[in-house]
C-alpha atoms as a PDB file:
ATOM      1  CA  MET A   1     -17.714  13.300  56.664  1.00  0.00           C
ATOM      2  CA  GLY A   2     -20.016  12.237  53.839  1.00  0.00           C
ATOM      3  CA  LYS A   3     -18.338   8.872  53.392  1.00  0.00           C
ATOM      4  CA  TYR A   4     -18.871   7.950  57.024  1.00  0.00           C
ATOM      5  CA  ILE A   5     -22.081   6.974  58.742  1.00  0.00           C
ATOM      6  CA  SER A   6     -23.603  10.065  60.347  1.00  0.00           C
ATOM      7  CA  PHE A   7     -25.254   9.745  63.735  1.00  0.00           C
ATOM      8  CA  LYS A   8     -28.112  12.050  64.640  1.00  0.00           C
ATOM      9  CA  ILE A   9     -27.330  14.384  67.502  1.00  0.00           C
ATOM     10  CA  PHE A  10     -29.464  13.797  70.585  1.00  0.00           C
ATOM     11  CA  PRO A  11     -31.540  16.799  71.653  1.00  0.00           C
ATOM     12  CA  ILE A  12     -30.081  18.337  74.784  1.00  0.00           C
ATOM     13  CA  LEU A  13     -32.792  20.108  76.728  1.00  0.00           C
ATOM     14  CA  CYS A  14     -33.546  20.604  80.408  1.00  0.00           C
ATOM     15  CA  PHE A  15     -34.734  17.044  80.950  1.00  0.00           C
ATOM     16  CA  SER A  16     -32.763  13.870  81.258  1.00  0.00           C
ATOM     17  CA  LEU A  17     -32.981  11.137  78.654  1.00  0.00           C
ATOM     18  CA  THR A  18     -35.045   9.100  81.095  1.00  0.00           C
ATOM     19  CA  GLU A  19     -37.720  11.797  81.353  1.00  0.00           C
ATOM     20  CA  TRP A  20     -37.952  12.156  77.577  1.00  0.00           C
ATOM     21  CA  LEU A  21     -38.350   8.394  77.291  1.00  0.00           C
ATOM     22  CA  LEU A  22     -41.316   8.522  79.655  1.00  0.00           C
ATOM     23  CA  LEU A  23     -42.719  11.514  77.793  1.00  0.00           C
ATOM     24  CA  PHE A  24     -43.012   9.582  74.534  1.00  0.00           C
ATOM     25  CA  PHE A  25     -43.728   6.185  76.147  1.00  0.00           C
ATOM     26  CA  PRO A  26     -45.870   6.989  79.210  1.00  0.00           C
ATOM     27  CA  LEU A  27     -46.780   4.399  81.792  1.00  0.00           C
ATOM     28  CA  PRO A  28     -50.382   3.229  82.115  1.00  0.00           C
ATOM     29  CA  ALA A  29     -52.566   5.499  84.200  1.00  0.00           C
ATOM     30  CA  ASP A  30     -52.965   2.889  86.934  1.00  0.00           C
ATOM     31  CA  TYR A  31     -49.200   2.242  87.284  1.00  0.00           C
ATOM     32  CA  PRO A  32     -47.817   2.020  89.892  1.00  0.00           C
ATOM     33  CA  PRO A  33     -50.760   1.073  92.146  1.00  0.00           C
ATOM     34  CA  ASN A  34     -48.658   1.334  95.331  1.00  0.00           C
ATOM     35  CA  LEU A  35     -45.185   2.278  96.407  1.00  0.00           C
ATOM     36  CA  MET A  36     -44.516  -1.402  97.103  1.00  0.00           C
ATOM     37  CA  GLU A  37     -46.001  -4.281  95.162  1.00  0.00           C
ATOM     38  CA  THR A  38     -45.908  -7.927  96.243  1.00  0.00           C
ATOM     39  CA  ILE A  39     -45.597 -10.542  93.518  1.00  0.00           C
ATOM     40  CA  ASN A  40     -45.135 -14.242  94.303  1.00  0.00           C
ATOM     41  CA  ASN A  41     -44.291 -13.416  97.937  1.00  0.00           C
ATOM     42  CA  GLN A  42     -41.469 -11.067  96.812  1.00  0.00           C
ATOM     43  CA  THR A  43     -41.698  -7.323  97.316  1.00  0.00           C
ATOM     44  CA  TRP A  44     -40.900  -5.113  94.355  1.00  0.00           C
ATOM     45  CA  VAL A  45     -40.469  -1.365  94.674  1.00  0.00           C
ATOM     46  CA  ASN A  46     -42.032   1.081  92.232  1.00  0.00           C
ATOM     47  CA  GLU A  47     -40.099   4.152  93.336  1.00  0.00           C
ATOM     48  CA  PHE A  48     -36.645   4.905  94.696  1.00  0.00           C
ATOM     49  CA  PHE A  49     -35.310   7.608  96.986  1.00  0.00           C
ATOM     50  CA  LEU A  50     -31.857   8.980  96.206  1.00  0.00           C
ATOM     51  CA  LEU A  51     -29.879  10.342  99.148  1.00  0.00           C
ATOM     52  CA  GLY A  52     -27.692  12.482  96.885  1.00  0.00           C
ATOM     53  CA  LEU A  53     -24.694  14.443  98.087  1.00  0.00           C
ATOM     54  CA  SER A  54     -26.047  16.611 100.886  1.00  0.00           C
ATOM     55  CA  SER A  55     -29.238  17.390 102.811  1.00  0.00           C
ATOM     56  CA  ASP A  56     -28.177  20.958 103.637  1.00  0.00           C
ATOM     57  CA  TRP A  57     -30.175  23.478 101.559  1.00  0.00           C
ATOM     58  CA  GLY A  58     -27.346  26.006 101.229  1.00  0.00           C
ATOM     59  CA  THR A  59     -24.925  23.335 100.058  1.00  0.00           C
ATOM     60  CA  GLN A  60     -27.441  22.011  97.554  1.00  0.00           C
ATOM     61  CA  VAL A  61     -28.003  25.465  96.043  1.00  0.00           C
ATOM     62  CA  LEU A  62     -24.246  25.986  95.746  1.00  0.00           C
ATOM     63  CA  LEU A  63     -23.821  22.566  94.101  1.00  0.00           C
ATOM     64  CA  PHE A  64     -26.769  23.291  91.781  1.00  0.00           C
ATOM     65  CA  VAL A  65     -25.092  26.453  90.457  1.00  0.00           C
ATOM     66  CA  LEU A  66     -21.693  24.747  90.138  1.00  0.00           C
ATOM     67  CA  PHE A  67     -22.969  21.603  88.414  1.00  0.00           C
ATOM     68  CA  LEU A  68     -25.334  23.531  86.135  1.00  0.00           C
ATOM     69  CA  SER A  69     -22.403  25.685  84.980  1.00  0.00           C
ATOM     70  CA  MET A  70     -20.276  22.594  84.347  1.00  0.00           C
ATOM     71  CA  TYR A  71     -23.092  20.856  82.480  1.00  0.00           C
ATOM     72  CA  LEU A  72     -23.706  23.860  80.229  1.00  0.00           C
ATOM     73  CA  LEU A  73     -19.969  24.053  79.490  1.00  0.00           C
ATOM     74  CA  THR A  74     -20.011  20.331  78.678  1.00  0.00           C
ATOM     75  CA  VAL A  75     -22.907  20.655  76.231  1.00  0.00           C
ATOM     76  CA  LEU A  76     -21.527  23.830  74.644  1.00  0.00           C
ATOM     77  CA  GLY A  77     -17.942  22.562  74.353  1.00  0.00           C
ATOM     78  CA  ASN A  78     -18.833  19.196  72.848  1.00  0.00           C
ATOM     79  CA  PHE A  79     -21.347  20.581  70.371  1.00  0.00           C
ATOM     80  CA  LEU A  80     -18.869  23.245  69.280  1.00  0.00           C
ATOM     81  CA  ILE A  81     -16.349  20.464  68.590  1.00  0.00           C
ATOM     82  CA  ILE A  82     -18.968  18.548  66.573  1.00  0.00           C
ATOM     83  CA  LEU A  83     -19.958  21.706  64.673  1.00  0.00           C
ATOM     84  CA  LEU A  84     -16.343  22.629  63.933  1.00  0.00           C
ATOM     85  CA  ILE A  85     -15.563  19.170  62.573  1.00  0.00           C
ATOM     86  CA  ARG A  86     -18.672  19.248  60.396  1.00  0.00           C
ATOM     87  CA  LEU A  87     -17.849  22.695  58.970  1.00  0.00           C
ATOM     88  CA  ASP A  88     -14.108  22.297  58.331  1.00  0.00           C
ATOM     89  CA  THR A  89     -13.379  19.877  55.486  1.00  0.00           C
ATOM     90  CA  HIS A  90      -9.753  19.528  56.639  1.00  0.00           C
ATOM     91  CA  LEU A  91     -11.089  17.712  59.707  1.00  0.00           C
ATOM     92  CA  HIS A  92     -13.073  15.156  57.697  1.00  0.00           C
ATOM     93  CA  THR A  93     -10.694  12.345  58.633  1.00  0.00           C
ATOM     94  CA  PRO A  94     -11.127   9.123  60.642  1.00  0.00           C
ATOM     95  CA  MET A  95      -9.537  10.674  63.745  1.00  0.00           C
ATOM     96  CA  TYR A  96     -12.102  13.479  63.864  1.00  0.00           C
ATOM     97  CA  PHE A  97     -14.948  11.179  62.871  1.00  0.00           C
ATOM     98  CA  PHE A  98     -14.209   9.221  66.047  1.00  0.00           C
ATOM     99  CA  LEU A  99     -13.825  12.451  68.019  1.00  0.00           C
ATOM    100  CA  THR A 100     -17.297  13.542  66.875  1.00  0.00           C
ATOM    101  CA  ASN A 101     -18.742  10.350  68.271  1.00  0.00           C
ATOM    102  CA  LEU A 102     -16.746  10.713  71.498  1.00  0.00           C
ATOM    103  CA  SER A 103     -18.260  14.174  71.994  1.00  0.00           C
ATOM    104  CA  LEU A 104     -21.739  12.774  71.309  1.00  0.00           C
ATOM    105  CA  VAL A 105     -21.181   9.978  73.840  1.00  0.00           C
ATOM    106  CA  ASP A 106     -19.927  12.446  76.462  1.00  0.00           C
ATOM    107  CA  VAL A 107     -22.946  14.736  76.082  1.00  0.00           C
ATOM    108  CA  SER A 108     -25.342  11.775  76.178  1.00  0.00           C
ATOM    109  CA  TYR A 109     -23.736  10.311  79.301  1.00  0.00           C
ATOM    110  CA  ALA A 110     -23.855  13.649  81.106  1.00  0.00           C
ATOM    111  CA  THR A 111     -27.489  14.161  80.048  1.00  0.00           C
ATOM    112  CA  SER A 112     -28.513  10.760  81.389  1.00  0.00           C
ATOM    113  CA  ILE A 113     -27.470  11.789  84.917  1.00  0.00           C
ATOM    114  CA  VAL A 114     -26.944  15.529  85.455  1.00  0.00           C
ATOM    115  CA  PRO A 115     -30.450  16.988  84.733  1.00  0.00           C
ATOM    116  CA  GLN A 116     -31.949  14.513  87.211  1.00  0.00           C
ATOM    117  CA  LEU A 117     -29.268  15.437  89.763  1.00  0.00           C
ATOM    118  CA  LEU A 118     -29.929  19.169  89.283  1.00  0.00           C
ATOM    119  CA  THR A 119     -33.664  18.646  89.733  1.00  0.00           C
ATOM    120  CA  HIS A 120     -33.088  16.812  93.004  1.00  0.00           C
ATOM    121  CA  PHE A 121     -31.007  19.670  94.378  1.00  0.00           C
ATOM    122  CA  LEU A 122     -34.179  21.780  94.293  1.00  0.00           C
ATOM    123  CA  LYS A 123     -36.539  19.129  95.702  1.00  0.00           C
ATOM    124  CA  GLU A 124     -37.031  17.965  99.236  1.00  0.00           C
ATOM    125  CA  GLN A 125     -38.164  14.470  98.189  1.00  0.00           C
ATOM    126  CA  LYS A 126     -35.472  13.089  95.861  1.00  0.00           C
ATOM    127  CA  THR A 127     -37.552  10.361  94.279  1.00  0.00           C
ATOM    128  CA  ILE A 128     -37.178   8.659  90.931  1.00  0.00           C
ATOM    129  CA  PRO A 129     -39.777   6.286  89.421  1.00  0.00           C
ATOM    130  CA  TYR A 130     -38.845   2.658  88.912  1.00  0.00           C
ATOM    131  CA  VAL A 131     -38.947   2.896  85.104  1.00  0.00           C
ATOM    132  CA  SER A 132     -36.997   6.176  85.079  1.00  0.00           C
ATOM    133  CA  CYS A 133     -34.355   4.561  87.260  1.00  0.00           C
ATOM    134  CA  ALA A 134     -34.096   1.602  84.872  1.00  0.00           C
ATOM    135  CA  ALA A 135     -33.835   3.936  81.868  1.00  0.00           C
ATOM    136  CA  GLN A 136     -31.163   6.019  83.596  1.00  0.00           C
ATOM    137  CA  LEU A 137     -29.132   2.909  84.361  1.00  0.00           C
ATOM    138  CA  PHE A 138     -29.455   1.729  80.753  1.00  0.00           C
ATOM    139  CA  PHE A 139     -28.359   5.012  79.180  1.00  0.00           C
ATOM    140  CA  SER A 140     -25.466   5.626  81.573  1.00  0.00           C
ATOM    141  CA  LEU A 141     -24.114   2.074  81.191  1.00  0.00           C
ATOM    142  CA  ALA A 142     -24.594   2.166  77.415  1.00  0.00           C
ATOM    143  CA  MET A 143     -22.712   5.451  77.022  1.00  0.00           C
ATOM    144  CA  GLY A 144     -19.973   4.335  79.417  1.00  0.00           C
ATOM    145  CA  GLY A 145     -19.422   1.027  77.620  1.00  0.00           C
ATOM    146  CA  THR A 146     -19.491   2.733  74.229  1.00  0.00           C
ATOM    147  CA  GLU A 147     -16.851   5.220  75.338  1.00  0.00           C
ATOM    148  CA  PHE A 148     -14.451   2.523  76.559  1.00  0.00           C
ATOM    149  CA  VAL A 149     -14.664   0.647  73.259  1.00  0.00           C
ATOM    150  CA  LEU A 150     -14.468   3.883  71.290  1.00  0.00           C
ATOM    151  CA  LEU A 151     -11.229   4.902  73.020  1.00  0.00           C
ATOM    152  CA  ALA A 152      -9.704   1.559  71.996  1.00  0.00           C
ATOM    153  CA  VAL A 153     -10.838   2.183  68.398  1.00  0.00           C
ATOM    154  CA  MET A 154      -9.240   5.637  68.511  1.00  0.00           C
ATOM    155  CA  SER A 155      -5.980   4.144  69.800  1.00  0.00           C
ATOM    156  CA  TYR A 156      -5.962   1.743  66.813  1.00  0.00           C
ATOM    157  CA  ASP A 157      -6.437   4.734  64.520  1.00  0.00           C
ATOM    158  CA  ARG A 158      -3.411   6.455  66.127  1.00  0.00           C
ATOM    159  CA  TYR A 159      -1.415   3.198  65.868  1.00  0.00           C
ATOM    160  CA  VAL A 160      -2.006   2.996  62.114  1.00  0.00           C
ATOM    161  CA  ALA A 161      -1.275   6.728  61.668  1.00  0.00           C
ATOM    162  CA  VAL A 162       2.106   6.503  63.447  1.00  0.00           C
ATOM    163  CA  CYS A 163       3.265   2.960  62.681  1.00  0.00           C
ATOM    164  CA  ASP A 164       1.986   2.544  59.107  1.00  0.00           C
ATOM    165  CA  PRO A 165       1.437   6.090  57.772  1.00  0.00           C
ATOM    166  CA  LEU A 166       1.868   5.208  54.085  1.00  0.00           C
ATOM    167  CA  ARG A 167      -1.077   2.808  54.195  1.00  0.00           C
ATOM    168  CA  TYR A 168      -3.185   4.869  56.620  1.00  0.00           C
ATOM    169  CA  SER A 169      -5.791   5.944  54.040  1.00  0.00           C
ATOM    170  CA  ALA A 170      -6.088   2.420  52.648  1.00  0.00           C
ATOM    171  CA  ILE A 171      -6.508   0.813  56.097  1.00  0.00           C
ATOM    172  CA  MET A 172      -8.709   3.401  57.804  1.00  0.00           C
ATOM    173  CA  HIS A 173     -11.212   3.701  54.975  1.00  0.00           C
ATOM    174  CA  GLY A 174     -14.786   4.849  55.456  1.00  0.00           C
ATOM    175  CA  GLY A 175     -16.279   1.366  55.620  1.00  0.00           C
ATOM    176  CA  LEU A 176     -13.947   0.205  58.394  1.00  0.00           C
ATOM    177  CA  CYS A 177     -14.484   3.399  60.387  1.00  0.00           C
ATOM    178  CA  ALA A 178     -18.256   2.973  60.139  1.00  0.00           C
ATOM    179  CA  ARG A 179     -18.087  -0.685  61.233  1.00  0.00           C
ATOM    180  CA  LEU A 180     -15.801   0.104  64.175  1.00  0.00           C
ATOM    181  CA  MET A 181     -18.091   2.889  65.270  1.00  0.00           C
ATOM    182  CA  ALA A 182     -21.200   0.730  64.957  1.00  0.00           C
ATOM    183  CA  ALA A 183     -19.492  -2.019  66.984  1.00  0.00           C
ATOM    184  CA  SER A 184     -18.750   0.491  69.755  1.00  0.00           C
ATOM    185  CA  TRP A 185     -22.352   1.679  70.006  1.00  0.00           C
ATOM    186  CA  VAL A 186     -23.913  -1.775  69.640  1.00  0.00           C
ATOM    187  CA  GLY A 187     -21.496  -3.379  72.115  1.00  0.00           C
ATOM    188  CA  GLY A 188     -22.103  -0.744  74.767  1.00  0.00           C
ATOM    189  CA  SER A 189     -25.882  -0.860  74.286  1.00  0.00           C
ATOM    190  CA  LEU A 190     -26.150  -4.670  74.404  1.00  0.00           C
ATOM    191  CA  ASN A 191     -24.037  -4.866  77.550  1.00  0.00           C
ATOM    192  CA  SER A 192     -26.174  -2.167  79.152  1.00  0.00           C
ATOM    193  CA  ALA A 193     -29.438  -3.874  78.198  1.00  0.00           C
ATOM    194  CA  LEU A 194     -28.324  -7.167  79.763  1.00  0.00           C
ATOM    195  CA  HIS A 195     -27.209  -5.528  83.009  1.00  0.00           C
ATOM    196  CA  THR A 196     -30.372  -3.440  83.233  1.00  0.00           C
ATOM    197  CA  VAL A 197     -32.589  -6.500  82.834  1.00  0.00           C
ATOM    198  CA  PHE A 198     -30.590  -8.600  85.321  1.00  0.00           C
ATOM    199  CA  THR A 199     -30.467  -5.807  87.902  1.00  0.00           C
ATOM    200  CA  PHE A 200     -34.146  -4.924  87.788  1.00  0.00           C
ATOM    201  CA  GLN A 201     -35.200  -8.557  88.049  1.00  0.00           C
ATOM    202  CA  LEU A 202     -33.850  -8.516  91.594  1.00  0.00           C
ATOM    203  CA  PRO A 203     -36.475  -8.110  94.346  1.00  0.00           C
ATOM    204  CA  MET A 204     -35.593  -5.098  96.497  1.00  0.00           C
ATOM    205  CA  CYS A 205     -37.964  -6.022  99.351  1.00  0.00           C
ATOM    206  CA  THR A 206     -38.486  -2.850 101.359  1.00  0.00           C
ATOM    207  CA  ASN A 207     -35.124  -1.396 100.315  1.00  0.00           C
ATOM    208  CA  ASN A 208     -35.902   1.573  98.102  1.00  0.00           C
ATOM    209  CA  VAL A 209     -33.386   4.117  99.451  1.00  0.00           C
ATOM    210  CA  ILE A 210     -30.337   4.418  97.180  1.00  0.00           C
ATOM    211  CA  ASP A 211     -27.323   5.995  98.832  1.00  0.00           C
ATOM    212  CA  HIS A 212     -26.110   7.524  95.601  1.00  0.00           C
ATOM    213  CA  ILE A 213     -26.671  10.474  93.251  1.00  0.00           C
ATOM    214  CA  ALA A 214     -28.084   8.299  90.457  1.00  0.00           C
ATOM    215  CA  CYS A 215     -29.323   4.793  89.684  1.00  0.00           C
ATOM    216  CA  GLU A 216     -25.866   3.227  89.577  1.00  0.00           C
ATOM    217  CA  ILE A 217     -25.533  -0.521  89.140  1.00  0.00           C
ATOM    218  CA  LEU A 218     -23.487  -1.315  92.258  1.00  0.00           C
ATOM    219  CA  ALA A 219     -25.778   0.788  94.460  1.00  0.00           C
ATOM    220  CA  LEU A 220     -28.870  -0.959  93.059  1.00  0.00           C
ATOM    221  CA  VAL A 221     -27.441  -4.455  93.439  1.00  0.00           C
ATOM    222  CA  ARG A 222     -26.744  -3.726  97.125  1.00  0.00           C
ATOM    223  CA  LEU A 223     -30.469  -3.103  97.677  1.00  0.00           C
ATOM    224  CA  ALA A 224     -31.482  -6.646  96.691  1.00  0.00           C
ATOM    225  CA  CYS A 225     -32.758  -8.943  99.426  1.00  0.00           C
ATOM    226  CA  VAL A 226     -31.581 -12.102  97.632  1.00  0.00           C
ATOM    227  CA  ASP A 227     -28.196 -13.546  96.762  1.00  0.00           C
ATOM    228  CA  THR A 228     -26.536 -11.282  94.182  1.00  0.00           C
ATOM    229  CA  SER A 229     -23.404 -13.325  93.508  1.00  0.00           C
ATOM    230  CA  SER A 230     -24.479 -13.985  89.896  1.00  0.00           C
ATOM    231  CA  ASN A 231     -24.935 -10.230  89.327  1.00  0.00           C
ATOM    232  CA  GLU A 232     -21.501  -9.545  90.795  1.00  0.00           C
ATOM    233  CA  VAL A 233     -19.970 -12.180  88.519  1.00  0.00           C
ATOM    234  CA  ALA A 234     -21.750 -10.600  85.544  1.00  0.00           C
ATOM    235  CA  ILE A 235     -20.365  -7.157  86.511  1.00  0.00           C
ATOM    236  CA  THR A 236     -16.856  -8.601  86.756  1.00  0.00           C
ATOM    237  CA  VAL A 237     -17.138 -10.394  83.398  1.00  0.00           C
ATOM    238  CA  SER A 238     -18.528  -7.253  81.798  1.00  0.00           C
ATOM    239  CA  SER A 239     -15.685  -5.217  83.275  1.00  0.00           C
ATOM    240  CA  ILE A 240     -13.170  -7.599  81.739  1.00  0.00           C
ATOM    241  CA  VAL A 241     -14.856  -7.609  78.313  1.00  0.00           C
ATOM    242  CA  LEU A 242     -15.746  -3.921  77.946  1.00  0.00           C
ATOM    243  CA  LEU A 243     -13.178  -2.333  80.242  1.00  0.00           C
ATOM    244  CA  MET A 244     -10.022  -4.384  80.660  1.00  0.00           C
ATOM    245  CA  THR A 245      -9.945  -5.783  77.113  1.00  0.00           C
ATOM    246  CA  PRO A 246     -10.149  -2.348  75.444  1.00  0.00           C
ATOM    247  CA  PHE A 247      -7.667  -1.013  77.999  1.00  0.00           C
ATOM    248  CA  CYS A 248      -5.188  -3.785  77.134  1.00  0.00           C
ATOM    249  CA  LEU A 249      -5.650  -3.030  73.427  1.00  0.00           C
ATOM    250  CA  VAL A 250      -4.923   0.627  74.135  1.00  0.00           C
ATOM    251  CA  LEU A 251      -1.757  -0.334  76.039  1.00  0.00           C
ATOM    252  CA  LEU A 252      -0.580  -2.603  73.211  1.00  0.00           C
ATOM    253  CA  SER A 253      -1.249   0.126  70.663  1.00  0.00           C
ATOM    254  CA  TYR A 254       0.721   2.697  72.618  1.00  0.00           C
ATOM    255  CA  ILE A 255       3.606   0.323  73.265  1.00  0.00           C
ATOM    256  CA  GLN A 256       3.913  -0.044  69.480  1.00  0.00           C
ATOM    257  CA  ILE A 257       3.434   3.708  68.972  1.00  0.00           C
ATOM    258  CA  ILE A 258       6.108   4.664  71.513  1.00  0.00           C
ATOM    259  CA  THR A 259       8.509   2.075  70.078  1.00  0.00           C
ATOM    260  CA  THR A 260       8.000   3.522  66.604  1.00  0.00           C
ATOM    261  CA  ILE A 261       8.384   7.112  67.834  1.00  0.00           C
ATOM    262  CA  LEU A 262      11.682   6.314  69.568  1.00  0.00           C
ATOM    263  CA  LYS A 263      13.056   4.984  66.268  1.00  0.00           C
ATOM    264  CA  ILE A 264      12.457   8.321  64.536  1.00  0.00           C
ATOM    265  CA  GLN A 265      15.821  10.041  64.049  1.00  0.00           C
ATOM    266  CA  SER A 266      14.886  13.721  64.185  1.00  0.00           C
ATOM    267  CA  THR A 267      13.746  15.387  67.405  1.00  0.00           C
ATOM    268  CA  GLU A 268      11.143  17.384  65.476  1.00  0.00           C
ATOM    269  CA  GLY A 269       9.760  14.202  63.926  1.00  0.00           C
ATOM    270  CA  ARG A 270       9.456  12.505  67.327  1.00  0.00           C
ATOM    271  CA  LYS A 271       7.750  15.568  68.783  1.00  0.00           C
ATOM    272  CA  LYS A 272       5.264  15.736  65.910  1.00  0.00           C
ATOM    273  CA  ALA A 273       4.450  12.015  66.120  1.00  0.00           C
ATOM    274  CA  PHE A 274       3.926  12.169  69.862  1.00  0.00           C
ATOM    275  CA  HIS A 275       1.812  15.302  69.572  1.00  0.00           C
ATOM    276  CA  THR A 276      -0.721  13.466  67.389  1.00  0.00           C
ATOM    277  CA  CYS A 277      -1.331  11.013  70.258  1.00  0.00           C
ATOM    278  CA  ALA A 278      -1.004  13.248  73.317  1.00  0.00           C
ATOM    279  CA  SER A 279      -4.652  14.386  73.465  1.00  0.00           C
ATOM    280  CA  HIS A 280      -6.034  10.869  73.104  1.00  0.00           C
ATOM    281  CA  LEU A 281      -3.594   9.488  75.670  1.00  0.00           C
ATOM    282  CA  THR A 282      -4.696  12.138  78.176  1.00  0.00           C
ATOM    283  CA  VAL A 283      -8.364  11.226  77.692  1.00  0.00           C
ATOM    284  CA  VAL A 284      -7.542   7.507  78.010  1.00  0.00           C
ATOM    285  CA  ALA A 285      -5.817   8.106  81.349  1.00  0.00           C
ATOM    286  CA  LEU A 286      -8.840  10.048  82.615  1.00  0.00           C
ATOM    287  CA  CYS A 287     -11.481   7.553  81.474  1.00  0.00           C
ATOM    288  CA  TYR A 288     -10.009   4.145  82.240  1.00  0.00           C
ATOM    289  CA  GLY A 289      -8.296   4.772  85.569  1.00  0.00           C
ATOM    290  CA  MET A 290     -11.216   5.267  87.934  1.00  0.00           C
ATOM    291  CA  ALA A 291     -13.514   2.826  86.129  1.00  0.00           C
ATOM    292  CA  ILE A 292     -11.002   0.004  86.559  1.00  0.00           C
ATOM    293  CA  PHE A 293     -10.597   0.901  90.222  1.00  0.00           C
ATOM    294  CA  ILE A 294     -14.324   0.855  91.035  1.00  0.00           C
ATOM    295  CA  TYR A 295     -15.828  -1.836  88.763  1.00  0.00           C
ATOM    296  CA  ILE A 296     -13.233  -4.569  88.605  1.00  0.00           C
ATOM    297  CA  GLN A 297     -13.743  -5.542  92.280  1.00  0.00           C
ATOM    298  CA  PRO A 298     -17.480  -5.486  93.061  1.00  0.00           C
ATOM    299  CA  HIS A 299     -16.939  -7.869  96.010  1.00  0.00           C
ATOM    300  CA  SER A 300     -14.796  -5.377  97.897  1.00  0.00           C
ATOM    301  CA  SER A 301     -16.327  -3.320 100.680  1.00  0.00           C
ATOM    302  CA  PRO A 302     -17.871  -0.260  99.037  1.00  0.00           C
ATOM    303  CA  ASN A 303     -16.885   3.312  99.767  1.00  0.00           C
ATOM    304  CA  ILE A 304     -20.146   5.116  99.075  1.00  0.00           C
ATOM    305  CA  LEU A 305     -18.695   8.615  98.914  1.00  0.00           C
ATOM    306  CA  GLN A 306     -15.979   7.359  96.584  1.00  0.00           C
ATOM    307  CA  GLU A 307     -18.574   5.879  94.210  1.00  0.00           C
ATOM    308  CA  LYS A 308     -20.511   9.157  94.187  1.00  0.00           C
ATOM    309  CA  MET A 309     -17.373  11.143  93.380  1.00  0.00           C
ATOM    310  CA  ILE A 310     -16.443   8.792  90.551  1.00  0.00           C
ATOM    311  CA  THR A 311     -19.941   9.063  89.038  1.00  0.00           C
ATOM    312  CA  LEU A 312     -19.637  12.852  89.193  1.00  0.00           C
ATOM    313  CA  PHE A 313     -16.199  12.603  87.606  1.00  0.00           C
ATOM    314  CA  TYR A 314     -17.568  10.711  84.587  1.00  0.00           C
ATOM    315  CA  ALA A 315     -20.827  12.666  84.338  1.00  0.00           C
ATOM    316  CA  LEU A 316     -19.377  16.172  84.693  1.00  0.00           C
ATOM    317  CA  LEU A 317     -15.609  16.544  84.759  1.00  0.00           C
ATOM    318  CA  THR A 318     -14.501  14.187  81.972  1.00  0.00           C
ATOM    319  CA  PRO A 319     -17.123  15.314  79.397  1.00  0.00           C
ATOM    320  CA  MET A 320     -16.273  18.949  80.190  1.00  0.00           C
ATOM    321  CA  LEU A 321     -12.509  18.450  79.917  1.00  0.00           C
ATOM    322  CA  ASN A 322     -12.432  16.367  76.724  1.00  0.00           C
ATOM    323  CA  PRO A 323     -13.233  19.257  74.310  1.00  0.00           C
ATOM    324  CA  MET A 324     -10.654  21.426  76.095  1.00  0.00           C
ATOM    325  CA  ILE A 325      -8.001  18.725  75.838  1.00  0.00           C
ATOM    326  CA  TYR A 326      -8.557  18.234  72.116  1.00  0.00           C
ATOM    327  CA  SER A 327      -8.786  21.995  71.478  1.00  0.00           C
ATOM    328  CA  LEU A 328      -5.792  23.134  73.508  1.00  0.00           C
ATOM    329  CA  ARG A 329      -3.408  20.323  72.574  1.00  0.00           C
ATOM    330  CA  ASN A 330      -4.322  19.878  68.923  1.00  0.00           C
ATOM    331  CA  LYS A 331      -2.866  22.224  66.292  1.00  0.00           C
ATOM    332  CA  GLU A 332      -5.388  21.203  63.636  1.00  0.00           C
ATOM    333  CA  VAL A 333      -8.342  21.973  65.888  1.00  0.00           C
ATOM    334  CA  LYS A 334      -6.835  25.300  66.976  1.00  0.00           C
ATOM    335  CA  GLY A 335      -6.171  26.173  63.333  1.00  0.00           C
ATOM    336  CA  ALA A 336      -9.762  25.294  62.421  1.00  0.00           C
ATOM    337  CA  TRP A 337     -11.059  27.499  65.248  1.00  0.00           C
ATOM    338  CA  GLN A 338      -8.931  30.416  64.048  1.00  0.00           C
ATOM    339  CA  LYS A 339     -10.125  29.922  60.464  1.00  0.00           C
ATOM    340  CA  LEU A 340     -13.762  29.789  61.550  1.00  0.00           C
ATOM    341  CA  LEU A 341     -13.384  32.919  63.699  1.00  0.00           C
ATOM    342  CA  ARG A 342     -11.778  34.786  60.792  1.00  0.00           C
ATOM    343  CA  GLN A 343     -14.642  33.786  58.500  1.00  0.00           C
ATOM    344  CA  PHE A 344     -17.146  34.917  61.108  1.00  0.00           C
ATOM    345  CA  SER A 345     -15.281  38.214  61.553  1.00  0.00           C
ATOM    346  CA  ASP A 346     -15.186  38.801  57.777  1.00  0.00           C
ATOM    347  CA  LEU A 347     -18.905  38.063  57.510  1.00  0.00           C
ATOM    348  CA  LYS A 348     -19.635  40.437  60.373  1.00  0.00           C
ATOM    349  CA  SER A 349     -17.573  43.189  58.694  1.00  0.00           C
ATOM    350  CA  LYS A 350     -19.397  42.720  55.370  1.00  0.00           C
ATOM    351  CA  LEU A 351     -22.786  42.910  57.067  1.00  0.00           C
ATOM    352  CA  ALA A 352     -21.730  46.045  58.949  1.00  0.00           C
ATOM    353  CA  SER A 353     -20.500  47.771  55.773  1.00  0.00           C
ATOM    354  CA  SER A 354     -23.517  46.899  53.649  1.00  0.00           C
END
C-alpha cells in the first residue's frame, strides 16, 4: 500500500468521537449559562434530551448487552480486515485499498453514534450537550456521505477490472486511487459541514426533546420553530448529489459489468468475473436502499420508529456485516486469512520448541 495515500486509523475507545472532540477542545467554563438562552427574541437550546428506544430498565439493559456485543464485533472485524490488508502484500491492490477505507469509514460511523447510545442505556437522563449534538451530526453525516461516494468509486474499480482488464493497472494507478479516495472524504465532510451549520442555525424555541437515538438531521429539523423549507430543500439536493448520483453511477457500472460478463463464453469465466463483484454488490444493496427510502422524501410524514431502526441499521448492522461479507465471499481474503493463521501457528510452534 506504499504507493497509496495512507490514512491514520482513528482511535476506537469507550467514548464517542463527539466526547473526544470536547475533551481536546473544551467549552468555556461559563458555557452554557442556562438550559435555554434567548438571543434576539429567539430561544436557543443548549442541551437536548434523547428519548431513545425504550424507557423500560430491563429492556435497556438487554439492548445495552446486545448493542455492545455488535459494536465490539464491528470494531474487531473491521480492524482485522485493515490489518490483514496491510500485512499481506498480495492484497496491496486498488480494490483492497478502497476496502481499507470502507472499513475505516464503517468504524468511524459506528463510533460517532453507538458509544453515546450505550451510555444512555445506563442513564436515567439521556441528555446530550448542544456542541456534542452538533459534533455527532457532523461526524455521522460525514461518514455516511463518504461511504456513498466510496461505494461508487469501488464500483468504477470493478468496472475497469471486468470490462477493461488489460489496462486495469494503467488506469487504476496509485495517483488516481488517492485522488478518488480524497474526493470521497472531502465531499462527505464538506456536505456534512454545510448541513451541520444550517441545522444548528435554526432556533429550537423550547423544543429540546429529540425523539430519536441520536442527533439525526431530520429529527433536529423537526424541532425548529421557524419555517424549515430551505433546510428540507437542502436535504433533498444533498440526497441527489451524494446519494442518488453515486447510486446511478453504481447502476451504470454494473449494467456494463453484467453485459460484459454475459459475453464471456465459458461458464467458469463468467462465474469468476461475477465473483469479483458479488461482495461489493451485496454491500451496495445494503447501504443505498434504506438511505434512499428515508432521505429522498423529507417532506413525507415521518415514521419515527422507522427512522430509529434505519439509524441502528447503518450504525450497527451494516458496519458489522461488511467485514463478514468480504471475508466469506472473497477467495483472496480467505486465502490471506489462512496464510496468516499458518504463519501464526508456525511462530507459535517455534516459540514452544525453543
